[in-house]
Amino acid sequence: MPDDQSFFTRWRRAVPGRLNANLAFWDGLDGKTDWPASADGAHPLTALILADYLVVDVTKPYAEHGSFLEIELAARRGEAHQTCGGRAPNDDVMDTIFTLLVNAGNGPVIRDGVDQATRPASRAFPYLASSNPDPPKAPHV
């Protein structure tokens, strides 16, 4: 059985370096650098991604679209945030993530081609969508 302490030690050393390299790759896809690395080579988003949580401000208005990472990015820019933050169930967060990684929001929206669920989540807890009465058939193998 592997030594857990050494596994976590190796993980804590390896992951930031891999994130720095991969985030730099994504940033370069449009041919320019929107996220310059710090003097030690750290990508500006590495710490945010490693923290792995979303900030929510219940004193700000709810936004069905556009609140994902809004608080975190406003803080990076030194500006006041406008929404409650968090992630709304029907928000197109992948377009937000791709745009953030590739151009830091300084260019066109980078789309994944999927703009919404086939059945949007409800706006009432537990936010479930109704089931699909005609689900796709499993492929024959």
N, C-alpha and C. Protein backbone atom coordinates (compact mmCIF):
# COMPACT_ATOMS: atom_id res chain seq x y z
N MET A 1 0.85 -1.18 0.00
CA MET A 1 0.00 0.00 0.00
C MET A 1 0.89 1.24 0.00
N PRO A 2 0.59 2.22 -0.87
CA PRO A 2 1.46 3.41 -0.93
C PRO A 2 1.35 4.25 0.33
N ASP A 3 2.43 4.91 0.62
CA ASP A 3 2.47 5.82 1.77
C ASP A 3 1.64 7.05 1.44
N ASP A 4 0.50 7.25 2.17
CA ASP A 4 -0.40 8.38 1.89
C ASP A 4 0.30 9.71 2.00
N GLN A 5 1.17 9.85 2.97
CA GLN A 5 1.86 11.12 3.16
C GLN A 5 2.71 11.46 1.94
N SER A 6 3.42 10.48 1.41
CA SER A 6 4.26 10.76 0.25
C SER A 6 3.40 11.02 -1.00
N PHE A 7 2.25 10.33 -1.11
CA PHE A 7 1.35 10.57 -2.24
C PHE A 7 0.87 12.02 -2.21
N PHE A 8 0.38 12.48 -1.08
CA PHE A 8 -0.12 13.85 -0.99
C PHE A 8 0.99 14.87 -1.14
N THR A 9 2.16 14.55 -0.67
CA THR A 9 3.30 15.45 -0.85
C THR A 9 3.62 15.58 -2.34
N ARG A 10 3.65 14.45 -3.04
CA ARG A 10 3.92 14.49 -4.49
C ARG A 10 2.80 15.23 -5.21
N TRP A 11 1.56 14.98 -4.83
CA TRP A 11 0.42 15.63 -5.46
C TRP A 11 0.49 17.14 -5.28
N ARG A 12 0.79 17.59 -4.06
CA ARG A 12 0.83 19.03 -3.78
C ARG A 12 1.95 19.72 -4.54
N ARG A 13 2.98 18.97 -4.92
CA ARG A 13 4.06 19.55 -5.73
C ARG A 13 3.73 19.51 -7.21
N ALA A 14 3.10 18.43 -7.67
CA ALA A 14 2.87 18.22 -9.10
C ALA A 14 1.71 19.03 -9.66
N VAL A 15 0.61 19.10 -8.96
CA VAL A 15 -0.60 19.71 -9.51
C VAL A 15 -0.43 21.18 -9.85
N PRO A 16 0.12 22.01 -8.98
CA PRO A 16 0.27 23.42 -9.39
C PRO A 16 1.10 23.59 -10.65
N GLY A 17 2.18 22.82 -10.79
CA GLY A 17 3.00 22.91 -11.99
C GLY A 17 2.25 22.51 -13.24
N ARG A 18 1.48 21.45 -13.13
CA ARG A 18 0.68 21.00 -14.28
C ARG A 18 -0.39 22.03 -14.63
N LEU A 19 -1.03 22.58 -13.61
CA LEU A 19 -2.03 23.62 -13.86
C LEU A 19 -1.39 24.83 -14.52
N ASN A 20 -0.24 25.27 -14.01
CA ASN A 20 0.44 26.42 -14.62
C ASN A 20 0.69 26.18 -16.10
N ALA A 21 1.17 24.99 -16.45
CA ALA A 21 1.47 24.68 -17.85
C ALA A 21 0.19 24.59 -18.68
N ASN A 22 -0.81 23.91 -18.17
CA ASN A 22 -2.05 23.75 -18.94
C ASN A 22 -2.81 25.06 -19.09
N LEU A 23 -2.84 25.87 -18.05
CA LEU A 23 -3.52 27.16 -18.14
C LEU A 23 -2.80 28.08 -19.13
N ALA A 24 -1.47 28.02 -19.16
CA ALA A 24 -0.71 28.80 -20.14
C ALA A 24 -1.03 28.33 -21.56
N PHE A 25 -1.20 27.02 -21.75
CA PHE A 25 -1.57 26.49 -23.06
C PHE A 25 -2.92 27.07 -23.50
N TRP A 26 -3.94 26.99 -22.63
CA TRP A 26 -5.26 27.51 -22.97
C TRP A 26 -5.18 29.00 -23.29
N ASP A 27 -4.43 29.74 -22.49
CA ASP A 27 -4.31 31.18 -22.70
C ASP A 27 -3.70 31.51 -24.06
N GLY A 28 -2.83 30.65 -24.55
CA GLY A 28 -2.16 30.91 -25.82
C GLY A 28 -2.93 30.51 -27.05
N LEU A 29 -4.10 29.91 -26.89
CA LEU A 29 -4.86 29.44 -28.06
C LEU A 29 -5.27 30.56 -29.00
N ASP A 30 -5.43 31.77 -28.49
CA ASP A 30 -5.81 32.89 -29.37
C ASP A 30 -4.60 33.68 -29.85
N GLY A 31 -3.40 33.18 -29.57
CA GLY A 31 -2.18 33.82 -30.06
C GLY A 31 -1.67 34.96 -29.21
N LYS A 32 -2.30 35.23 -28.06
CA LYS A 32 -1.79 36.28 -27.18
C LYS A 32 -1.90 35.83 -25.73
N THR A 33 -1.17 36.49 -24.88
CA THR A 33 -1.16 36.17 -23.46
C THR A 33 -2.01 37.17 -22.70
N ASP A 34 -3.14 36.71 -22.17
CA ASP A 34 -4.00 37.56 -21.35
C ASP A 34 -3.75 37.33 -19.87
N TRP A 35 -3.10 36.22 -19.53
CA TRP A 35 -2.80 35.88 -18.15
C TRP A 35 -1.29 35.69 -17.99
N PRO A 36 -0.51 36.78 -17.91
CA PRO A 36 0.94 36.61 -17.75
C PRO A 36 1.28 35.94 -16.42
N ALA A 37 2.23 35.05 -16.47
CA ALA A 37 2.68 34.34 -15.27
C ALA A 37 3.42 35.29 -14.34
N SER A 38 3.40 34.96 -13.07
CA SER A 38 4.14 35.75 -12.09
C SER A 38 5.64 35.45 -12.24
N ALA A 39 6.46 36.14 -11.50
CA ALA A 39 7.92 35.96 -11.58
C ALA A 39 8.33 34.52 -11.31
N ASP A 40 7.56 33.82 -10.46
CA ASP A 40 7.91 32.42 -10.16
C ASP A 40 7.26 31.43 -11.12
N GLY A 41 6.60 31.92 -12.18
CA GLY A 41 6.01 31.06 -13.19
C GLY A 41 4.59 30.62 -12.90
N ALA A 42 4.00 31.10 -11.83
CA ALA A 42 2.64 30.70 -11.49
C ALA A 42 1.62 31.42 -12.37
N HIS A 43 0.67 30.67 -12.87
CA HIS A 43 -0.43 31.26 -13.65
C HIS A 43 -1.37 31.95 -12.67
N PRO A 44 -1.93 33.10 -13.02
CA PRO A 44 -2.81 33.82 -12.10
C PRO A 44 -4.07 33.07 -11.66
N LEU A 45 -4.49 32.06 -12.43
CA LEU A 45 -5.71 31.32 -12.06
C LEU A 45 -5.44 30.04 -11.27
N THR A 46 -4.18 29.66 -11.13
CA THR A 46 -3.87 28.40 -10.46
C THR A 46 -4.40 28.36 -9.03
N ALA A 47 -4.15 29.39 -8.26
CA ALA A 47 -4.63 29.39 -6.86
C ALA A 47 -6.14 29.36 -6.78
N LEU A 48 -6.81 30.08 -7.68
CA LEU A 48 -8.28 30.10 -7.71
C LEU A 48 -8.83 28.70 -7.99
N ILE A 49 -8.25 28.02 -8.95
CA ILE A 49 -8.72 26.68 -9.31
C ILE A 49 -8.42 25.69 -8.19
N LEU A 50 -7.24 25.77 -7.61
CA LEU A 50 -6.89 24.85 -6.52
C LEU A 50 -7.75 25.07 -5.28
N ALA A 51 -8.21 26.29 -5.06
CA ALA A 51 -9.07 26.56 -3.90
C ALA A 51 -10.38 25.79 -4.03
N ASP A 52 -10.89 25.62 -5.26
CA ASP A 52 -12.03 24.77 -5.56
C ASP A 52 -13.29 25.09 -4.75
N TYR A 53 -13.67 26.35 -4.76
CA TYR A 53 -14.95 26.74 -4.17
C TYR A 53 -15.46 27.99 -4.87
N LEU A 54 -16.75 28.24 -4.75
CA LEU A 54 -17.37 29.43 -5.31
C LEU A 54 -17.80 30.33 -4.17
N VAL A 55 -17.70 31.63 -4.37
CA VAL A 55 -18.13 32.59 -3.37
C VAL A 55 -19.55 33.03 -3.72
N VAL A 56 -20.40 33.12 -2.69
CA VAL A 56 -21.77 33.56 -2.86
C VAL A 56 -22.03 34.73 -1.92
N ASP A 57 -22.66 35.77 -2.42
CA ASP A 57 -23.03 36.93 -1.62
C ASP A 57 -24.54 37.07 -1.67
N VAL A 58 -25.22 36.65 -0.59
CA VAL A 58 -26.69 36.65 -0.58
C VAL A 58 -27.27 38.06 -0.51
N THR A 59 -26.44 39.09 -0.35
CA THR A 59 -26.95 40.46 -0.34
C THR A 59 -27.07 41.04 -1.74
N LYS A 60 -26.55 40.34 -2.74
CA LYS A 60 -26.59 40.80 -4.13
C LYS A 60 -27.67 40.05 -4.89
N PRO A 61 -28.15 40.63 -6.00
CA PRO A 61 -29.23 39.99 -6.75
C PRO A 61 -28.81 38.69 -7.43
N TYR A 62 -29.76 37.77 -7.50
CA TYR A 62 -29.59 36.51 -8.22
C TYR A 62 -29.55 36.80 -9.71
N ALA A 63 -28.72 36.09 -10.42
CA ALA A 63 -28.66 36.21 -11.89
C ALA A 63 -28.71 34.81 -12.48
N GLU A 64 -29.68 34.56 -13.32
CA GLU A 64 -29.83 33.25 -13.96
C GLU A 64 -28.64 32.94 -14.87
N HIS A 65 -28.06 33.99 -15.45
CA HIS A 65 -26.90 33.82 -16.33
C HIS A 65 -25.86 34.89 -16.00
N GLY A 66 -24.59 34.48 -15.98
CA GLY A 66 -23.51 35.44 -15.82
C GLY A 66 -22.97 35.64 -14.41
N SER A 67 -23.48 34.89 -13.43
CA SER A 67 -22.97 35.07 -12.07
C SER A 67 -21.79 34.15 -11.76
N PHE A 68 -21.59 33.12 -12.57
CA PHE A 68 -20.53 32.15 -12.33
C PHE A 68 -19.16 32.83 -12.35
N LEU A 69 -18.43 32.76 -11.25
CA LEU A 69 -17.10 33.35 -11.05
C LEU A 69 -17.10 34.87 -11.10
N GLU A 70 -18.26 35.50 -11.10
CA GLU A 70 -18.32 36.96 -11.18
C GLU A 70 -17.67 37.61 -9.97
N ILE A 71 -17.91 37.09 -8.77
CA ILE A 71 -17.31 37.67 -7.56
C ILE A 71 -15.80 37.49 -7.57
N GLU A 72 -15.35 36.30 -7.88
CA GLU A 72 -13.91 36.01 -7.88
C GLU A 72 -13.16 36.87 -8.90
N LEU A 73 -13.73 37.03 -10.08
CA LEU A 73 -13.06 37.82 -11.12
C LEU A 73 -13.11 39.31 -10.82
N ALA A 74 -14.20 39.78 -10.24
CA ALA A 74 -14.27 41.19 -9.84
C ALA A 74 -13.21 41.48 -8.78
N ALA A 75 -13.02 40.56 -7.85
CA ALA A 75 -12.00 40.74 -6.81
C ALA A 75 -10.61 40.80 -7.44
N ARG A 76 -10.33 39.95 -8.43
CA ARG A 76 -9.03 39.99 -9.13
C ARG A 76 -8.80 41.34 -9.79
N ARG A 77 -9.87 41.93 -10.33
CA ARG A 77 -9.76 43.23 -11.01
C ARG A 77 -9.78 44.40 -10.03
N GLY A 78 -10.05 44.13 -8.75
CA GLY A 78 -10.14 45.18 -7.76
C GLY A 78 -11.43 45.98 -7.87
N GLU A 79 -12.48 45.35 -8.39
CA GLU A 79 -13.78 46.01 -8.57
C GLU A 79 -14.82 45.37 -7.66
N ALA A 80 -15.90 46.08 -7.45
CA ALA A 80 -17.03 45.54 -6.68
C ALA A 80 -17.81 44.57 -7.56
N HIS A 81 -18.24 43.46 -6.99
CA HIS A 81 -19.05 42.51 -7.75
C HIS A 81 -20.50 42.98 -7.79
N GLN A 82 -21.21 42.52 -8.82
CA GLN A 82 -22.58 42.99 -9.05
C GLN A 82 -23.65 41.94 -8.78
N THR A 83 -23.28 40.67 -8.79
CA THR A 83 -24.27 39.60 -8.63
C THR A 83 -24.00 38.82 -7.35
N CYS A 84 -24.86 37.85 -7.10
CA CYS A 84 -24.69 36.99 -5.92
C CYS A 84 -23.58 35.97 -6.12
N GLY A 85 -23.09 35.81 -7.34
CA GLY A 85 -22.04 34.84 -7.60
C GLY A 85 -22.58 33.43 -7.61
N GLY A 86 -21.71 32.46 -7.34
CA GLY A 86 -22.14 31.07 -7.36
C GLY A 86 -22.38 30.59 -8.77
N ARG A 87 -23.20 29.55 -8.87
CA ARG A 87 -23.51 28.97 -10.19
C ARG A 87 -24.99 28.66 -10.26
N ALA A 88 -25.68 29.33 -11.15
CA ALA A 88 -27.09 29.04 -11.37
C ALA A 88 -27.19 27.75 -12.19
N PRO A 89 -28.16 26.90 -11.88
CA PRO A 89 -28.25 25.61 -12.58
C PRO A 89 -28.34 25.70 -14.10
N ASN A 90 -28.92 26.77 -14.63
CA ASN A 90 -29.08 26.87 -16.09
C ASN A 90 -28.04 27.77 -16.75
N ASP A 91 -27.05 28.23 -16.02
CA ASP A 91 -26.02 29.09 -16.60
C ASP A 91 -25.09 28.26 -17.48
N ASP A 92 -24.63 28.83 -18.57
CA ASP A 92 -23.73 28.14 -19.49
C ASP A 92 -22.29 28.32 -19.00
N VAL A 93 -21.94 27.59 -17.97
CA VAL A 93 -20.65 27.81 -17.32
C VAL A 93 -19.47 27.38 -18.19
N MET A 94 -19.66 26.44 -19.10
CA MET A 94 -18.53 26.02 -19.93
C MET A 94 -18.08 27.15 -20.85
N ASP A 95 -19.02 27.91 -21.40
CA ASP A 95 -18.62 29.07 -22.21
C ASP A 95 -17.86 30.07 -21.34
N THR A 96 -18.29 30.25 -20.10
CA THR A 96 -17.59 31.16 -19.18
C THR A 96 -16.18 30.67 -18.90
N ILE A 97 -16.04 29.37 -18.64
CA ILE A 97 -14.72 28.81 -18.35
C ILE A 97 -13.80 28.94 -19.56
N PHE A 98 -14.27 28.54 -20.75
CA PHE A 98 -13.43 28.62 -21.95
C PHE A 98 -13.03 30.06 -22.25
N THR A 99 -13.96 31.00 -22.13
CA THR A 99 -13.65 32.40 -22.39
C THR A 99 -12.63 32.92 -21.38
N LEU A 100 -12.81 32.56 -20.13
CA LEU A 100 -11.86 32.97 -19.08
C LEU A 100 -10.47 32.43 -19.36
N LEU A 101 -10.37 31.16 -19.71
CA LEU A 101 -9.07 30.54 -19.93
C LEU A 101 -8.37 31.09 -21.17
N VAL A 102 -9.12 31.26 -22.26
CA VAL A 102 -8.50 31.63 -23.53
C VAL A 102 -8.22 33.12 -23.65
N ASN A 103 -9.17 33.98 -23.24
CA ASN A 103 -8.93 35.40 -23.46
C ASN A 103 -9.21 36.28 -22.24
N ALA A 104 -9.40 35.67 -21.08
CA ALA A 104 -9.63 36.40 -19.83
C ALA A 104 -10.83 37.35 -19.92
N GLY A 105 -11.75 37.06 -20.82
CA GLY A 105 -12.91 37.93 -20.99
C GLY A 105 -12.60 39.17 -21.80
N ASN A 106 -11.42 39.22 -22.42
CA ASN A 106 -10.99 40.39 -23.20
C ASN A 106 -11.21 40.21 -24.69
N GLY A 107 -12.12 39.36 -25.05
CA GLY A 107 -12.38 39.10 -26.46
C GLY A 107 -13.72 38.44 -26.61
N PRO A 108 -13.93 37.81 -27.75
CA PRO A 108 -15.23 37.18 -27.98
C PRO A 108 -15.45 36.00 -27.03
N VAL A 109 -16.72 35.66 -26.82
CA VAL A 109 -17.06 34.49 -26.01
C VAL A 109 -16.58 33.25 -26.75
N ILE A 110 -15.88 32.38 -26.05
CA ILE A 110 -15.44 31.11 -26.62
C ILE A 110 -16.54 30.09 -26.31
N ARG A 111 -17.23 29.66 -27.35
CA ARG A 111 -18.41 28.80 -27.16
C ARG A 111 -18.06 27.33 -27.34
N ASP A 112 -18.79 26.50 -26.61
CA ASP A 112 -18.63 25.06 -26.75
C ASP A 112 -19.69 24.46 -27.66
N GLY A 113 -20.63 25.29 -28.15
CA GLY A 113 -21.67 24.82 -29.05
C GLY A 113 -22.91 24.28 -28.35
N VAL A 114 -22.88 24.22 -27.03
CA VAL A 114 -24.05 23.77 -26.26
C VAL A 114 -24.49 24.95 -25.41
N ASP A 115 -25.63 25.54 -25.76
CA ASP A 115 -26.06 26.76 -25.08
C ASP A 115 -27.04 26.54 -23.95
N GLN A 116 -27.66 25.38 -23.90
CA GLN A 116 -28.60 25.11 -22.81
C GLN A 116 -28.91 23.63 -22.76
N ALA A 117 -29.45 23.21 -21.65
CA ALA A 117 -29.88 21.83 -21.50
C ALA A 117 -31.12 21.59 -22.36
N THR A 118 -31.35 20.35 -22.76
CA THR A 118 -32.56 20.05 -23.52
C THR A 118 -33.79 20.27 -22.67
N ARG A 119 -33.65 20.14 -21.38
CA ARG A 119 -34.72 20.43 -20.43
C ARG A 119 -34.10 21.22 -19.28
N PRO A 120 -34.30 22.52 -19.26
CA PRO A 120 -33.68 23.35 -18.22
C PRO A 120 -34.13 22.95 -16.81
N ALA A 121 -33.25 23.17 -15.85
CA ALA A 121 -33.58 22.91 -14.45
C ALA A 121 -34.66 23.89 -14.01
N SER A 122 -35.45 23.47 -13.04
CA SER A 122 -36.48 24.38 -12.53
C SER A 122 -35.81 25.46 -11.68
N ARG A 123 -36.52 26.51 -11.38
CA ARG A 123 -35.97 27.58 -10.55
C ARG A 123 -36.36 27.41 -9.09
N ALA A 124 -36.97 26.26 -8.76
CA ALA A 124 -37.37 25.98 -7.39
C ALA A 124 -36.66 24.72 -6.91
N PHE A 125 -36.21 24.74 -5.66
CA PHE A 125 -35.54 23.58 -5.08
C PHE A 125 -36.45 22.36 -5.20
N PRO A 126 -35.98 21.21 -5.61
CA PRO A 126 -34.60 20.77 -5.77
C PRO A 126 -34.03 20.98 -7.17
N TYR A 127 -34.58 21.87 -7.96
CA TYR A 127 -34.05 22.30 -9.26
C TYR A 127 -34.01 21.20 -10.31
N LEU A 128 -34.84 20.20 -10.16
CA LEU A 128 -34.83 19.08 -11.10
C LEU A 128 -35.63 19.40 -12.36
N ALA A 129 -35.14 18.90 -13.47
CA ALA A 129 -35.90 19.01 -14.73
C ALA A 129 -36.79 17.79 -14.84
N SER A 130 -37.88 17.94 -15.56
CA SER A 130 -38.74 16.78 -15.78
C SER A 130 -38.00 15.77 -16.65
N SER A 131 -38.37 14.52 -16.52
CA SER A 131 -37.68 13.47 -17.28
C SER A 131 -38.03 13.58 -18.76
N ASN A 132 -37.17 13.05 -19.58
CA ASN A 132 -37.38 13.07 -21.02
C ASN A 132 -38.32 11.92 -21.39
N PRO A 133 -39.50 12.23 -21.95
CA PRO A 133 -40.44 11.16 -22.29
C PRO A 133 -39.97 10.33 -23.49
N ASP A 134 -38.99 10.82 -24.23
CA ASP A 134 -38.50 10.11 -25.41
C ASP A 134 -36.97 10.09 -25.39
N PRO A 135 -36.36 9.35 -24.44
CA PRO A 135 -34.90 9.36 -24.33
C PRO A 135 -34.27 8.68 -25.54
N PRO A 136 -33.02 9.02 -25.83
CA PRO A 136 -32.35 8.39 -26.96
C PRO A 136 -32.18 6.88 -26.69
N LYS A 137 -32.15 6.12 -27.74
CA LYS A 137 -31.97 4.68 -27.64
C LYS A 137 -30.48 4.36 -27.49
N ALA A 138 -30.19 3.35 -26.70
CA ALA A 138 -28.80 2.92 -26.53
C ALA A 138 -28.30 2.33 -27.84
N PRO A 139 -27.04 2.62 -28.20
CA PRO A 139 -26.51 2.06 -29.45
C PRO A 139 -26.33 0.54 -29.33
N HIS A 140 -26.49 -0.13 -30.43
CA HIS A 140 -26.26 -1.57 -30.46
C HIS A 140 -24.77 -1.81 -30.64
N VAL A 141 -24.25 -2.70 -29.86
CA VAL A 141 -22.82 -2.97 -29.92
C VAL A 141 -22.56 -4.32 -30.52
